[in-house]
PDB file of N, CA and C in Angstrom:
ATOM      1  N   MET A   1      -4.134  36.659   3.370  1.00  0.00           N
ATOM      2  CA  MET A   1      -3.041  35.604   2.939  1.00  0.00           C
ATOM      3  C   MET A   1      -2.830  35.580   0.952  1.00  0.00           C
ATOM      4  N   ALA A   2      -2.127  36.351   0.470  1.00  0.00           N
ATOM      5  CA  ALA A   2      -1.731  35.779  -0.556  1.00  0.00           C
ATOM      6  C   ALA A   2      -1.371  34.724  -1.320  1.00  0.00           C
ATOM      7  N   THR A   3      -1.816  34.648  -2.638  1.00  0.00           N
ATOM      8  CA  THR A   3      -1.780  33.182  -3.217  1.00  0.00           C
ATOM      9  C   THR A   3      -0.932  33.245  -4.575  1.00  0.00           C
ATOM     10  N   GLU A   4      -0.580  32.133  -4.831  1.00  0.00           N
ATOM     11  CA  GLU A   4       0.290  31.907  -6.375  1.00  0.00           C
ATOM     12  C   GLU A   4       0.037  30.609  -6.650  1.00  0.00           C
ATOM     13  N   PRO A   5      -0.426  30.185  -7.718  1.00  0.00           N
ATOM     14  CA  PRO A   5      -0.524  29.482  -8.255  1.00  0.00           C
ATOM     15  C   PRO A   5       0.515  28.424  -8.429  1.00  0.00           C
ATOM     16  N   ILE A   6       0.230  27.039  -8.652  1.00  0.00           N
ATOM     17  CA  ILE A   6       1.098  26.134  -8.709  1.00  0.00           C
ATOM     18  C   ILE A   6       0.682  24.442  -9.421  1.00  0.00           C
ATOM     19  N   THR A   7       1.048  23.728  -9.795  1.00  0.00           N
ATOM     20  CA  THR A   7       1.202  22.766 -10.812  1.00  0.00           C
ATOM     21  C   THR A   7       1.631  21.357  -9.931  1.00  0.00           C
ATOM     22  N   LEU A   8       0.492  20.410  -9.334  1.00  0.00           N
ATOM     23  CA  LEU A   8       0.695  18.858  -8.964  1.00  0.00           C
ATOM     24  C   LEU A   8       0.483  18.429  -9.226  1.00  0.00           C
ATOM     25  N   ASN A   9       1.273  17.380  -9.253  1.00  0.00           N
ATOM     26  CA  ASN A   9       0.694  16.261 -10.557  1.00  0.00           C
ATOM     27  C   ASN A   9      -0.182  14.843  -9.009  1.00  0.00           C
ATOM     28  N   VAL A  10      -0.812  14.729  -9.414  1.00  0.00           N
ATOM     29  CA  VAL A  10      -1.983  13.937  -7.878  1.00  0.00           C
ATOM     30  C   VAL A  10      -2.434  12.734  -9.124  1.00  0.00           C
ATOM     31  N   ASP A  11      -3.262  11.572  -8.486  1.00  0.00           N
ATOM     32  CA  ASP A  11      -3.606  10.825  -8.855  1.00  0.00           C
ATOM     33  C   ASP A  11      -4.897  11.345  -9.264  1.00  0.00           C
ATOM     34  N   SER A  12      -5.108  10.466 -10.441  1.00  0.00           N
ATOM     35  CA  SER A  12      -6.519  10.696 -11.538  1.00  0.00           C
ATOM     36  C   SER A  12      -7.831  10.988 -10.696  1.00  0.00           C
ATOM     37  N   GLU A  13      -8.193   9.844  -9.475  1.00  0.00           N
ATOM     38  CA  GLU A  13      -9.177  10.261  -8.594  1.00  0.00           C
ATOM     39  C   GLU A  13      -9.272  11.599  -8.055  1.00  0.00           C
ATOM     40  N   ALA A  14      -7.873  11.910  -7.425  1.00  0.00           N
ATOM     41  CA  ALA A  14      -7.686  12.990  -6.650  1.00  0.00           C
ATOM     42  C   ALA A  14      -8.121  14.186  -7.648  1.00  0.00           C
ATOM     43  N   ALA A  15      -7.409  14.406  -9.016  1.00  0.00           N
ATOM     44  CA  ALA A  15      -7.912  15.517  -9.995  1.00  0.00           C
ATOM     45  C   ALA A  15      -9.240  15.492  -9.838  1.00  0.00           C
ATOM     46  N   ARG A  16      -9.725  14.549 -10.535  1.00  0.00           N
ATOM     47  CA  ARG A  16     -11.143  14.441 -10.760  1.00  0.00           C
ATOM     48  C   ARG A  16     -12.394  15.001  -9.619  1.00  0.00           C
ATOM     49  N   VAL A  17     -11.770  14.414  -8.410  1.00  0.00           N
ATOM     50  CA  VAL A  17     -12.447  14.834  -6.911  1.00  0.00           C
ATOM     51  C   VAL A  17     -12.646  16.573  -7.133  1.00  0.00           C
ATOM     52  N   PHE A  18     -11.072  16.921  -7.302  1.00  0.00           N
ATOM     53  CA  PHE A  18     -10.857  18.468  -7.043  1.00  0.00           C
ATOM     54  C   PHE A  18     -11.833  19.049  -8.159  1.00  0.00           C
ATOM     55  N   ASN A  19     -11.383  18.701  -9.463  1.00  0.00           N
ATOM     56  CA  ASN A  19     -12.239  19.324 -10.953  1.00  0.00           C
ATOM     57  C   ASN A  19     -13.975  19.336 -10.607  1.00  0.00           C
ATOM     58  N   ALA A  20     -14.366  18.265 -10.131  1.00  0.00           N
ATOM     59  CA  ALA A  20     -15.969  18.339  -9.567  1.00  0.00           C
ATOM     60  C   ALA A  20     -16.259  19.145  -8.353  1.00  0.00           C
ATOM     61  N   ALA A  21     -15.698  19.716  -8.127  1.00  0.00           N
ATOM     62  CA  ALA A  21     -15.568  19.996  -6.725  1.00  0.00           C
ATOM     63  C   ALA A  21     -16.267  21.909  -6.888  1.00  0.00           C
ATOM     64  N   SER A  22     -17.103  22.409  -6.292  1.00  0.00           N
ATOM     65  CA  SER A  22     -17.528  23.728  -6.320  1.00  0.00           C
ATOM     66  C   SER A  22     -16.375  24.836  -6.207  1.00  0.00           C
ATOM     67  N   PRO A  23     -16.949  25.843  -6.680  1.00  0.00           N
ATOM     68  CA  PRO A  23     -15.361  27.019  -5.937  1.00  0.00           C
ATOM     69  C   PRO A  23     -15.456  26.910  -4.675  1.00  0.00           C
ATOM     70  N   ASP A  24     -16.023  27.165  -3.653  1.00  0.00           N
ATOM     71  CA  ASP A  24     -16.013  26.900  -2.152  1.00  0.00           C
ATOM     72  C   ASP A  24     -15.276  25.551  -1.989  1.00  0.00           C
ATOM     73  N   GLU A  25     -15.216  24.526  -2.231  1.00  0.00           N
ATOM     74  CA  GLU A  25     -15.242  23.581  -2.059  1.00  0.00           C
ATOM     75  C   GLU A  25     -13.358  23.450  -2.689  1.00  0.00           C
ATOM     76  N   ARG A  26     -13.170  23.861  -3.877  1.00  0.00           N
ATOM     77  CA  ARG A  26     -12.032  23.888  -4.349  1.00  0.00           C
ATOM     78  C   ARG A  26     -11.176  24.890  -3.289  1.00  0.00           C
ATOM     79  N   ARG A  27     -11.593  25.710  -2.600  1.00  0.00           N
ATOM     80  CA  ARG A  27     -10.911  26.904  -2.256  1.00  0.00           C
ATOM     81  C   ARG A  27     -10.314  25.855  -0.685  1.00  0.00           C
ATOM     82  N   LYS A  28     -11.246  25.302  -0.136  1.00  0.00           N
ATOM     83  CA  LYS A  28     -10.883  24.510   1.060  1.00  0.00           C
ATOM     84  C   LYS A  28      -9.833  23.470   0.744  1.00  0.00           C
ATOM     85  N   LEU A  29      -9.820  22.599  -0.312  1.00  0.00           N
ATOM     86  CA  LEU A  29      -9.179  21.759  -0.623  1.00  0.00           C
ATOM     87  C   LEU A  29      -7.746  22.268  -0.981  1.00  0.00           C
ATOM     88  N   GLU A  30      -7.538  23.311  -1.512  1.00  0.00           N
ATOM     89  CA  GLU A  30      -6.736  24.436  -2.145  1.00  0.00           C
ATOM     90  C   GLU A  30      -5.535  24.369  -0.770  1.00  0.00           C
ATOM     91  N   ALA A  31      -6.382  25.344   0.500  1.00  0.00           N
ATOM     92  CA  ALA A  31      -6.098  25.568   1.773  1.00  0.00           C
ATOM     93  C   ALA A  31      -5.725  24.493   2.721  1.00  0.00           C
ATOM     94  N   LEU A  32      -6.290  23.175   2.157  1.00  0.00           N
ATOM     95  CA  LEU A  32      -5.844  21.943   2.800  1.00  0.00           C
ATOM     96  C   LEU A  32      -4.278  22.118   2.293  1.00  0.00           C
ATOM     97  N   VAL A  33      -3.802  21.475   1.461  1.00  0.00           N
ATOM     98  CA  VAL A  33      -2.808  21.115   0.555  1.00  0.00           C
ATOM     99  C   VAL A  33      -1.674  21.999   0.868  1.00  0.00           C
ATOM    100  N   SER A  34      -2.127  23.842   0.857  1.00  0.00           N
ATOM    101  CA  SER A  34      -1.578  24.825   1.855  1.00  0.00           C
ATOM    102  C   SER A  34      -0.920  24.625   2.877  1.00  0.00           C
ATOM    103  N   LEU A  35      -1.907  24.074   4.064  1.00  0.00           N
ATOM    104  CA  LEU A  35      -1.679  23.697   4.917  1.00  0.00           C
ATOM    105  C   LEU A  35      -0.298  22.763   5.038  1.00  0.00           C
ATOM    106  N   GLN A  36      -0.975  21.370   4.229  1.00  0.00           N
ATOM    107  CA  GLN A  36       0.189  20.244   4.637  1.00  0.00           C
ATOM    108  C   GLN A  36       1.231  20.525   4.151  1.00  0.00           C
ATOM    109  N   LEU A  37       1.428  21.213   3.057  1.00  0.00           N
ATOM    110  CA  LEU A  37       3.219  21.963   2.215  1.00  0.00           C
ATOM    111  C   LEU A  37       3.792  22.577   3.800  1.00  0.00           C
ATOM    112  N   LEU A  38       3.111  23.599   4.213  1.00  0.00           N
ATOM    113  CA  LEU A  38       3.935  23.957   4.919  1.00  0.00           C
ATOM    114  C   LEU A  38       4.021  23.501   6.539  1.00  0.00           C
ATOM    115  N   GLU A  39       3.383  22.521   6.731  1.00  0.00           N
ATOM    116  CA  GLU A  39       3.562  21.488   7.740  1.00  0.00           C
ATOM    117  C   GLU A  39       4.716  20.676   7.317  1.00  0.00           C
ATOM    118  N   VAL A  40       5.110  20.208   6.062  1.00  0.00           N
ATOM    119  CA  VAL A  40       6.113  19.676   5.791  1.00  0.00           C
ATOM    120  C   VAL A  40       7.410  20.357   6.039  1.00  0.00           C
ATOM    121  N   ALA A  41       7.094  21.837   5.254  1.00  0.00           N
ATOM    122  CA  ALA A  41       8.207  23.039   5.252  1.00  0.00           C
ATOM    123  C   ALA A  41       8.950  23.138   6.928  1.00  0.00           C
ATOM    124  N   SER A  42       7.587  22.916   7.662  1.00  0.00           N
ATOM    125  CA  SER A  42       8.453  23.595   9.160  1.00  0.00           C
ATOM    126  C   SER A  42       9.328  22.523   9.398  1.00  0.00           C
ATOM    127  N   LYS A  43       9.406  21.090   9.260  1.00  0.00           N
ATOM    128  CA  LYS A  43      10.175  20.230   9.956  1.00  0.00           C
ATOM    129  C   LYS A  43      11.104  19.781   8.966  1.00  0.00           C
ATOM    130  N   PRO A  44      11.925  20.219   8.413  1.00  0.00           N
ATOM    131  CA  PRO A  44      13.142  19.291   7.439  1.00  0.00           C
ATOM    132  C   PRO A  44      13.266  18.401   7.908  1.00  0.00           C
ATOM    133  N   ASN A  45      13.391  17.984   8.747  1.00  0.00           N
ATOM    134  CA  ASN A  45      14.271  17.110   9.203  1.00  0.00           C
ATOM    135  C   ASN A  45      13.649  15.612   9.441  1.00  0.00           C
ATOM    136  N   GLU A  46      12.016  16.161   9.858  1.00  0.00           N
ATOM    137  CA  GLU A  46      11.448  15.141   9.831  1.00  0.00           C
ATOM    138  C   GLU A  46      11.199  14.242   8.272  1.00  0.00           C
ATOM    139  N   SER A  47      11.241  12.809   8.031  1.00  0.00           N
ATOM    140  CA  SER A  47      10.758  12.381   7.106  1.00  0.00           C
ATOM    141  C   SER A  47       9.240  12.508   7.122  1.00  0.00           C
ATOM    142  N   LEU A  48       8.651  12.476   5.438  1.00  0.00           N
ATOM    143  CA  LEU A  48       7.479  12.885   4.862  1.00  0.00           C
ATOM    144  C   LEU A  48       6.448  11.385   5.114  1.00  0.00           C
ATOM    145  N   ARG A  49       7.037  10.296   5.378  1.00  0.00           N
ATOM    146  CA  ARG A  49       6.267   9.244   5.672  1.00  0.00           C
ATOM    147  C   ARG A  49       6.069   9.764   7.870  1.00  0.00           C
ATOM    148  N   GLU A  50       6.863  10.602   8.112  1.00  0.00           N
ATOM    149  CA  GLU A  50       6.690  10.719   9.480  1.00  0.00           C
ATOM    150  C   GLU A  50       5.420  11.783   9.675  1.00  0.00           C
ATOM    151  N   VAL A  51       5.460  12.786   8.593  1.00  0.00           N
ATOM    152  CA  VAL A  51       4.702  13.922   8.718  1.00  0.00           C
ATOM    153  C   VAL A  51       3.576  12.847   8.619  1.00  0.00           C
ATOM    154  N   MET A  52       3.219  12.214   7.818  1.00  0.00           N
ATOM    155  CA  MET A  52       2.027  12.183   6.805  1.00  0.00           C
ATOM    156  C   MET A  52       1.147  11.154   7.955  1.00  0.00           C
ATOM    157  N   ARG A  53       2.093  10.542   8.980  1.00  0.00           N
ATOM    158  CA  ARG A  53       1.765   9.292  10.294  1.00  0.00           C
ATOM    159  C   ARG A  53       1.207  10.507  11.143  1.00  0.00           C
ATOM    160  N   ARG A  54       1.462  11.968  11.091  1.00  0.00           N
ATOM    161  CA  ARG A  54       1.344  12.570  12.339  1.00  0.00           C
ATOM    162  C   ARG A  54      -0.059  13.268  11.736  1.00  0.00           C
ATOM    163  N   ILE A  55       0.042  13.464  10.703  1.00  0.00           N
ATOM    164  CA  ILE A  55      -1.422  14.149  10.129  1.00  0.00           C
ATOM    165  C   ILE A  55      -2.323  13.156  10.385  1.00  0.00           C
ATOM    166  N   SER A  56      -2.372  12.270   9.878  1.00  0.00           N
ATOM    167  CA  SER A  56      -3.202  10.539  10.124  1.00  0.00           C
ATOM    168  C   SER A  56      -3.975  10.546  11.713  1.00  0.00           C
ATOM    169  N   GLU A  57      -3.248  10.747  12.275  1.00  0.00           N
ATOM    170  CA  GLU A  57      -2.874  10.417  13.767  1.00  0.00           C
ATOM    171  C   GLU A  57      -3.557  12.009  14.390  1.00  0.00           C
ATOM    172  N   ARG A  58      -3.624  13.151  13.882  1.00  0.00           N
ATOM    173  CA  ARG A  58      -4.244  14.372  14.345  1.00  0.00           C
ATOM    174  C   ARG A  58      -6.021  14.288  14.052  1.00  0.00           C
ATOM    175  N   ALA A  59      -5.888  13.818  12.501  1.00  0.00           N
ATOM    176  CA  ALA A  59      -7.115  13.438  12.236  1.00  0.00           C
ATOM    177  C   ALA A  59      -8.402  12.529  12.975  1.00  0.00           C
ATOM    178  N   GLN A  60      -7.231  11.679  13.322  1.00  0.00           N
ATOM    179  CA  GLN A  60      -8.147  10.269  13.515  1.00  0.00           C
ATOM    180  C   GLN A  60      -8.576  11.129  15.222  1.00  0.00           C
ATOM    181  N   GLU A  61      -7.770  11.816  15.802  1.00  0.00           N
ATOM    182  CA  GLU A  61      -7.801  12.248  16.969  1.00  0.00           C
ATOM    183  C   GLU A  61      -9.279  12.986  17.269  1.00  0.00           C
ATOM    184  N   ARG A  62      -9.097  13.710  16.224  1.00  0.00           N
ATOM    185  CA  ARG A  62     -10.671  14.829  15.960  1.00  0.00           C
ATOM    186  C   ARG A  62     -11.708  14.122  15.650  1.00  0.00           C
ATOM    187  N   GLY A  63     -11.557  12.699  15.692  1.00  0.00           N
ATOM    188  CA  GLY A  63     -12.802  11.901  15.283  1.00  0.00           C
ATOM    189  C   GLY A  63     -13.142  11.809  13.432  1.00  0.00           C
ATOM    190  N   LEU A  64     -11.736  11.971  12.705  1.00  0.00           N
ATOM    191  CA  LEU A  64     -12.207  12.021  11.094  1.00  0.00           C
ATOM    192  C   LEU A  64     -11.822  10.725  10.786  1.00  0.00           C
ATOM    193  N   THR A  65     -12.720  10.098  10.313  1.00  0.00           N
ATOM    194  CA  THR A  65     -12.602   8.502  10.235  1.00  0.00           C
ATOM    195  C   THR A  65     -12.093   8.168   8.706  1.00  0.00           C
ATOM    196  N   GLU A  66     -11.780   7.281   7.934  1.00  0.00           N
ATOM    197  CA  GLU A  66     -11.742   7.265   6.576  1.00  0.00           C
ATOM    198  C   GLU A  66     -13.240   6.894   5.974  1.00  0.00           C
ATOM    199  N   GLU A  67     -14.007   6.624   6.515  1.00  0.00           N
ATOM    200  CA  GLU A  67     -15.720   6.693   6.011  1.00  0.00           C
ATOM    201  C   GLU A  67     -15.698   8.395   5.916  1.00  0.00           C
ATOM    202  N   GLN A  68     -15.527   8.304   6.889  1.00  0.00           N
ATOM    203  CA  GLN A  68     -16.107  10.466   6.705  1.00  0.00           C
ATOM    204  C   GLN A  68     -14.853  11.251   5.739  1.00  0.00           C
ATOM    205  N   LEU A  69     -13.930  10.996   5.421  1.00  0.00           N
ATOM    206  CA  LEU A  69     -13.125  11.327   4.791  1.00  0.00           C
ATOM    207  C   LEU A  69     -13.673  11.151   3.244  1.00  0.00           C
ATOM    208  N   ARG A  70     -13.933   9.321   2.830  1.00  0.00           N
ATOM    209  CA  ARG A  70     -14.798   9.101   1.603  1.00  0.00           C
ATOM    210  C   ARG A  70     -15.824  10.038   1.510  1.00  0.00           C
ATOM    211  N   GLU A  71     -16.871  10.365   2.388  1.00  0.00           N
ATOM    212  CA  GLU A  71     -17.791  11.030   2.278  1.00  0.00           C
ATOM    213  C   GLU A  71     -17.574  12.066   2.151  1.00  0.00           C
ATOM    214  N   MET A  72     -16.834  13.050   2.436  1.00  0.00           N
ATOM    215  CA  MET A  72     -16.281  14.652   1.762  1.00  0.00           C
ATOM    216  C   MET A  72     -16.083  14.266   0.838  1.00  0.00           C
ATOM    217  N   LEU A  73     -15.080  13.592   0.198  1.00  0.00           N
ATOM    218  CA  LEU A  73     -14.936  13.474  -1.048  1.00  0.00           C
ATOM    219  C   LEU A  73     -16.017  13.390  -1.907  1.00  0.00           C
ATOM    220  N   ASP A  74     -16.797  12.644  -1.601  1.00  0.00           N
ATOM    221  CA  ASP A  74     -17.691  11.988  -2.370  1.00  0.00           C
ATOM    222  C   ASP A  74     -18.513  13.287  -2.454  1.00  0.00           C
ATOM    223  N   ASP A  75     -19.377  14.132  -1.584  1.00  0.00           N
ATOM    224  CA  ASP A  75     -19.813  15.328  -1.507  1.00  0.00           C
ATOM    225  C   ASP A  75     -19.204  16.379  -2.036  1.00  0.00           C
ATOM    226  N   ALA A  76     -17.857  16.442  -2.187  1.00  0.00           N
ATOM    227  CA  ALA A  76     -17.503  17.167  -3.215  1.00  0.00           C
ATOM    228  C   ALA A  76     -17.542  16.985  -4.774  1.00  0.00           C
ATOM    229  N   ASN A  77     -17.858  15.822  -4.892  1.00  0.00           N
ATOM    230  CA  ASN A  77     -17.834  15.301  -6.311  1.00  0.00           C
ATOM    231  C   ASN A  77     -19.590  15.281  -6.972  1.00  0.00           C
ATOM    232  N   SER A  78     -20.477  15.750  -5.801  1.00  0.00           N
ATOM    233  CA  SER A  78     -21.963  16.024  -6.464  1.00  0.00           C
ATOM    234  C   SER A  78     -22.193  17.207  -6.393  1.00  0.00           C
TER     235      SER A  78
END
């Protein structure tokens, strides 16, 4: 998969998490953002709110809790 750099404005905490992450974790976070952008683009008639709701539902169906997500982000900072 070819990649191309882009610039995104994110929450300052999200930027801190990304900047503190290891190179491997950064690649994973970049892949996650890329997949989410592709998901939004694949359904142009769907609102962003609906896409975010669907993503949240999928994560919950797969067992990801808010606490686990926070732990993952905390681990990326360590």
